[in-house]
Amino acid sequence: MSMTKVLQVEKLSIGYDGHTAVDDITFDVSEGELLGIVGPNGAGKTTLFRAIFGLQDYKGKIRLFGFEPDKYKSLIPLVGYVPQKIAFEPNFPATVYDIVSMGIISDKKIVKGAKLIQQCGCCWNRIYKKIDKTEDKIQEALNTVGLEHLKNRRIGELSGGELQRVFIAKSLVKDPLLLILDEPVTSVDVESQTKFYKIIEKLNKENGITVVWSSHDLDAIKKYASRVACMNRKLFFHGEKEKFFADENLLKTYTESAMQMHMHDHNH
């Protein structure tokens, strides 16, 4: 694994409406890593991701590929994002092909970001850049996520799992260096979840994409992640997954905090 830091979060705190959503957390993600972030609902995972994308005010520091936020704008296009809830109008007359094509960005748009990436020494495996025709790029991305047979299907007719994979394909066609997934399988059946995890593993290992993925599914994290961050507003743990899963106290703390948050959600 490379020592290049793709993401650095330092003493990050985020508060709104008089409530602390993220409390003084510090961690980093190296190039080629697959980091699983675990934490109960309300632990601050989505808020953290919003801050990374510059959509949320915060105290502390966030660096992308070693660069401070003043360079962010030109780096954000190099990051793929699949949100937890994909909001769209079910009757919207777009096909799978149409949605994936929206992910394609011109080289003009990423020229500044590409220069910065060269400076920081990240290895950028630009698979889709090497494909000339737009329709071939889209086809390749759909092949990668196993949806080539649905390219003309309207998105309103897809299952939750298929929709998630469409949005991964949309991220892929821009050759992201970093992929951020916010609880991507929340409303997805078990068979689709397994397919989804296999795709993420392939993107990480074969395409060399660094992945940050938040999840409640400890079994999946244990199987696929290389490192783990455990957060519930504060960061309880960040390190090798073997250490996390070997530490019964940590697992107990995680399970208890998840239960408490669950009870809290039901009491409101």
Protein backbone atom coordinates (compact mmCIF):
# COMPACT_ATOMS: atom_id res chain seq x y z
CA MET A 1 0.00 0.00 0.00
CA SER A 2 1.24 3.46 -0.94
CA MET A 3 2.17 5.96 1.76
CA THR A 4 0.54 8.81 -0.18
CA LYS A 5 -2.30 10.24 1.90
CA VAL A 6 -5.49 10.54 -0.13
CA LEU A 7 -7.50 11.98 2.77
CA GLN A 8 -6.37 13.58 6.04
CA VAL A 9 -8.81 14.66 8.74
CA GLU A 10 -7.33 16.52 11.68
CA LYS A 11 -9.10 17.62 14.90
CA LEU A 12 -12.38 17.86 13.01
CA SER A 13 -15.41 19.14 14.92
CA ILE A 14 -18.81 19.93 13.44
CA GLY A 15 -21.73 21.37 15.31
CA TYR A 16 -25.13 22.67 14.30
CA ASP A 17 -28.35 23.61 16.11
CA GLY A 18 -26.41 23.60 19.40
CA HIS A 19 -25.51 19.95 18.92
CA THR A 20 -22.07 18.41 18.32
CA ALA A 21 -22.31 16.04 15.36
CA VAL A 22 -18.58 15.28 15.04
CA ASP A 23 -16.27 15.76 18.01
CA ASP A 24 -12.52 16.30 17.49
CA ILE A 25 -11.71 13.37 15.20
CA THR A 26 -8.37 12.71 13.49
CA PHE A 27 -7.62 9.97 10.95
CA ASP A 28 -6.15 9.54 7.49
CA VAL A 29 -6.58 7.27 4.48
CA SER A 30 -3.61 6.05 2.42
CA GLU A 31 -3.72 5.45 -1.30
CA GLY A 32 -5.09 1.98 -2.12
CA GLU A 33 -6.81 1.53 1.25
CA LEU A 34 -10.36 0.28 1.74
CA LEU A 35 -11.46 1.98 4.95
CA GLY A 36 -14.67 0.82 6.59
CA ILE A 37 -16.26 3.43 8.88
CA VAL A 38 -18.61 1.87 11.42
CA GLY A 39 -20.93 3.69 13.75
CA PRO A 40 -24.62 3.82 14.68
CA ASN A 41 -27.20 6.09 13.04
CA GLY A 42 -26.53 9.66 14.13
CA ALA A 43 -22.81 8.94 14.68
CA GLY A 44 -21.82 11.75 12.30
CA LYS A 45 -20.73 9.68 9.28
CA THR A 46 -22.81 11.54 6.67
CA THR A 47 -21.89 14.89 8.26
CA LEU A 48 -18.21 13.93 7.97
CA PHE A 49 -18.67 13.14 4.26
CA ARG A 50 -20.49 16.43 3.69
CA ALA A 51 -17.54 18.28 5.25
CA ILE A 52 -15.08 16.44 2.98
CA PHE A 53 -17.06 17.67 -0.05
CA GLY A 54 -17.09 21.24 1.25
CA LEU A 55 -20.85 21.18 1.91
CA GLN A 56 -20.58 21.60 5.67
CA ASP A 57 -18.81 24.16 7.87
CA TYR A 58 -16.32 22.67 10.30
CA LYS A 59 -13.46 23.37 12.68
CA GLY A 60 -10.17 21.57 12.16
CA LYS A 61 -8.46 20.52 8.94
CA ILE A 62 -9.34 18.37 5.97
CA ARG A 63 -6.84 17.70 3.19
CA LEU A 64 -7.53 15.91 -0.07
CA PHE A 65 -4.47 14.36 -1.72
CA GLY A 66 -2.38 16.49 0.65
CA PHE A 67 -3.99 19.79 -0.42
CA GLU A 68 -5.89 22.30 1.71
CA PRO A 69 -9.46 23.38 0.86
CA ASP A 70 -8.32 26.34 -1.30
CA LYS A 71 -7.41 23.73 -3.95
CA TYR A 72 -10.49 21.62 -3.28
CA LYS A 73 -12.69 22.77 -6.12
CA SER A 74 -10.40 21.32 -8.73
CA LEU A 75 -9.97 18.05 -6.75
CA ILE A 76 -13.63 17.28 -5.97
CA PRO A 77 -14.29 16.01 -9.55
CA LEU A 78 -11.69 13.30 -8.89
CA VAL A 79 -13.76 11.90 -6.01
CA GLY A 80 -16.76 9.64 -6.60
CA TYR A 81 -19.65 9.70 -4.14
CA VAL A 82 -22.61 7.37 -3.71
CA PRO A 83 -25.01 8.81 -1.11
CA GLN A 84 -27.06 6.77 1.32
CA LYS A 85 -30.40 7.87 -0.09
CA ILE A 86 -30.57 8.39 -3.81
CA ALA A 87 -33.36 10.88 -4.35
CA PHE A 88 -34.99 11.09 -7.74
CA GLU A 89 -38.44 11.32 -9.25
CA PRO A 90 -39.51 7.71 -10.07
CA ASN A 91 -41.31 8.89 -13.22
CA PHE A 92 -38.27 10.84 -14.43
CA PRO A 93 -37.86 9.63 -18.04
CA ALA A 94 -34.14 8.82 -17.80
CA THR A 95 -32.59 5.46 -18.62
CA VAL A 96 -29.67 3.76 -16.89
CA TYR A 97 -27.49 4.84 -19.84
CA ASP A 98 -28.58 8.49 -19.42
CA ILE A 99 -27.70 8.55 -15.71
CA VAL A 100 -24.25 7.00 -16.20
CA SER A 101 -23.50 9.43 -19.05
CA MET A 102 -24.03 12.33 -16.60
CA GLY A 103 -20.88 11.19 -14.79
CA ILE A 104 -18.60 11.90 -17.75
CA ILE A 105 -16.56 15.06 -17.33
CA SER A 106 -14.32 16.69 -19.88
CA ASP A 107 -10.56 16.80 -19.47
CA LYS A 108 -10.86 20.60 -19.48
CA LYS A 109 -12.80 20.40 -16.22
CA ILE A 110 -10.21 18.30 -14.47
CA VAL A 111 -7.04 19.82 -15.86
CA LYS A 112 -6.19 21.69 -12.61
CA GLY A 113 -7.00 18.67 -10.46
CA ALA A 114 -4.95 16.39 -12.71
CA LYS A 115 -1.90 18.68 -12.32
CA LEU A 116 -2.25 18.62 -8.54
CA ILE A 117 -2.48 14.82 -8.58
CA GLN A 118 0.80 14.64 -10.51
CA GLN A 119 2.40 16.85 -7.84
CA CYS A 120 1.28 14.63 -4.96
CA GLY A 121 2.52 11.45 -6.62
CA CYS A 122 -0.73 9.46 -6.58
CA CYS A 123 -0.90 6.62 -9.07
CA TRP A 124 -3.91 7.46 -11.24
CA ASN A 125 -5.11 4.43 -13.13
CA ARG A 126 -7.28 6.15 -15.74
CA ILE A 127 -9.12 3.21 -17.28
CA TYR A 128 -11.96 5.17 -18.87
CA LYS A 129 -9.68 7.93 -20.17
CA LYS A 130 -8.12 5.32 -22.48
CA ILE A 131 -11.52 4.53 -24.05
CA ASP A 132 -12.24 6.92 -26.94
CA LYS A 133 -15.96 6.80 -27.48
CA THR A 134 -18.40 8.01 -24.82
CA GLU A 135 -20.78 5.09 -25.42
CA ASP A 136 -17.90 2.64 -24.96
CA LYS A 137 -16.98 4.28 -21.63
CA ILE A 138 -20.57 3.94 -20.45
CA GLN A 139 -20.73 0.33 -21.65
CA GLU A 140 -17.49 -0.52 -19.82
CA ALA A 141 -18.72 1.07 -16.57
CA LEU A 142 -22.00 -0.85 -16.84
CA ASN A 143 -20.06 -4.09 -17.50
CA THR A 144 -18.00 -3.43 -14.36
CA VAL A 145 -21.11 -3.18 -12.17
CA GLY A 146 -22.95 -5.97 -14.03
CA LEU A 147 -25.77 -3.86 -15.47
CA GLU A 148 -24.99 -3.83 -19.20
CA HIS A 149 -28.28 -5.71 -19.86
CA LEU A 150 -30.29 -2.88 -18.25
CA LYS A 151 -28.78 0.10 -20.06
CA ASN A 152 -32.10 1.08 -21.72
CA ARG A 153 -34.22 0.47 -18.62
CA ARG A 154 -35.84 3.51 -17.00
CA ILE A 155 -34.39 4.21 -13.57
CA GLY A 156 -37.86 4.21 -11.97
CA GLU A 157 -38.10 0.48 -12.78
CA LEU A 158 -34.93 -0.55 -10.96
CA SER A 159 -34.53 -2.25 -7.58
CA GLY A 160 -32.61 -0.48 -4.79
CA GLY A 161 -29.52 -2.60 -5.44
CA GLU A 162 -29.57 -1.92 -9.18
CA LEU A 163 -29.94 1.80 -8.55
CA GLN A 164 -26.91 1.83 -6.24
CA ARG A 165 -24.86 0.11 -8.94
CA VAL A 166 -25.99 2.65 -11.56
CA PHE A 167 -24.64 5.42 -9.33
CA ILE A 168 -21.35 3.58 -8.87
CA ALA A 169 -21.07 3.31 -12.67
CA LYS A 170 -21.81 7.05 -12.92
CA SER A 171 -18.90 7.68 -10.53
CA LEU A 172 -16.59 5.30 -12.38
CA VAL A 173 -16.70 6.93 -15.81
CA LYS A 174 -14.81 9.91 -14.44
CA ASP A 175 -11.97 7.67 -13.22
CA PRO A 176 -12.15 8.62 -9.53
CA LEU A 177 -9.06 8.30 -7.37
CA LEU A 178 -11.22 8.08 -4.26
CA LEU A 179 -14.70 6.60 -3.90
CA ILE A 180 -16.84 7.52 -0.89
CA LEU A 181 -19.87 5.33 -0.16
CA ASP A 182 -22.37 6.33 2.52
CA GLU A 183 -24.10 3.18 3.82
CA PRO A 184 -24.61 2.04 0.24
CA VAL A 185 -26.67 -1.09 0.92
CA THR A 186 -29.20 0.20 3.45
CA SER A 187 -32.30 -0.72 1.42
CA VAL A 188 -30.85 -3.58 -0.60
CA ASP A 189 -31.53 -7.34 -0.44
CA VAL A 190 -28.79 -9.74 0.66
CA GLU A 191 -27.99 -11.09 -2.81
CA SER A 192 -27.55 -7.55 -4.17
CA GLN A 193 -25.42 -6.64 -1.16
CA THR A 194 -22.98 -9.46 -1.92
CA LYS A 195 -22.77 -8.38 -5.58
CA PHE A 196 -22.19 -4.81 -4.47
CA TYR A 197 -19.36 -5.72 -2.08
CA LYS A 198 -17.65 -7.83 -4.76
CA ILE A 199 -17.73 -4.81 -7.11
CA ILE A 200 -16.20 -2.56 -4.44
CA GLU A 201 -13.49 -5.13 -3.76
CA LYS A 202 -12.70 -5.36 -7.49
CA LEU A 203 -12.57 -1.56 -7.88
CA ASN A 204 -10.20 -1.34 -4.94
CA LYS A 205 -7.89 -4.22 -5.85
CA GLU A 206 -7.94 -4.20 -9.66
CA ASN A 207 -8.66 -0.56 -10.55
CA GLY A 208 -6.60 0.79 -7.64
CA ILE A 209 -9.36 3.08 -6.36
CA THR A 210 -9.10 4.11 -2.70
CA VAL A 211 -12.45 3.48 -0.99
CA VAL A 212 -14.01 4.99 2.14
CA TRP A 213 -17.22 3.20 2.98
CA SER A 214 -19.55 3.65 5.96
CA SER A 215 -21.63 0.70 7.07
CA HIS A 216 -23.54 -0.93 9.93
CA ASP A 217 -22.61 -4.35 8.59
CA LEU A 218 -19.70 -5.54 10.73
CA ASP A 219 -19.50 -8.86 8.86
CA ALA A 220 -19.00 -7.09 5.53
CA ILE A 221 -16.43 -4.71 7.05
CA LYS A 222 -14.57 -7.70 8.50
CA LYS A 223 -14.55 -9.42 5.13
CA TYR A 224 -13.74 -6.57 2.74
CA ALA A 225 -12.16 -3.58 4.52
CA SER A 226 -8.40 -3.27 5.05
CA ARG A 227 -8.72 -0.81 7.93
CA VAL A 228 -11.52 0.28 10.27
CA ALA A 229 -12.57 3.58 11.82
CA CYS A 230 -15.19 3.30 14.56
CA MET A 231 -17.01 6.52 15.36
CA ASN A 232 -19.90 7.77 17.40
CA ARG A 233 -19.36 11.54 17.19
CA LYS A 234 -15.90 10.84 18.65
CA LEU A 235 -13.47 8.39 17.08
CA PHE A 236 -13.13 5.24 19.24
CA PHE A 237 -10.73 3.41 16.98
CA HIS A 238 -8.78 3.76 13.75
CA GLY A 239 -6.43 1.05 12.56
CA GLU A 240 -6.05 -2.48 11.23
CA LYS A 241 -9.31 -4.41 11.10
CA GLU A 242 -7.73 -7.46 12.80
CA LYS A 243 -7.07 -5.33 15.89
CA PHE A 244 -10.60 -3.98 15.92
CA PHE A 245 -12.26 -7.37 15.64
CA ALA A 246 -9.89 -8.96 18.17
CA ASP A 247 -10.79 -6.34 20.82
CA GLU A 248 -13.89 -7.50 22.65
CA ASN A 249 -14.19 -4.28 24.64
CA LEU A 250 -14.23 -2.21 21.46
CA LEU A 251 -16.86 -4.42 19.87
CA LYS A 252 -18.93 -4.24 23.06
CA THR A 253 -18.64 -0.43 23.11
CA TYR A 254 -19.69 -0.30 19.46
CA THR A 255 -22.68 -2.62 19.96
CA GLU A 256 -23.85 -0.78 23.09
CA SER A 257 -23.59 2.66 21.48
CA ALA A 258 -25.45 1.33 18.42
CA MET A 259 -28.21 -0.04 20.68
CA GLN A 260 -28.47 3.21 22.64
CA MET A 261 -28.78 5.25 19.47
CA HIS A 262 -31.37 2.78 18.18
CA MET A 263 -33.41 3.12 21.40
CA HIS A 264 -33.00 6.91 21.26
CA ASP A 265 -34.34 6.95 17.68
CA HIS A 266 -37.39 4.94 18.73
CA ASN A 267 -38.10 7.12 21.73
CA HIS A 268 -38.39 10.23 19.58
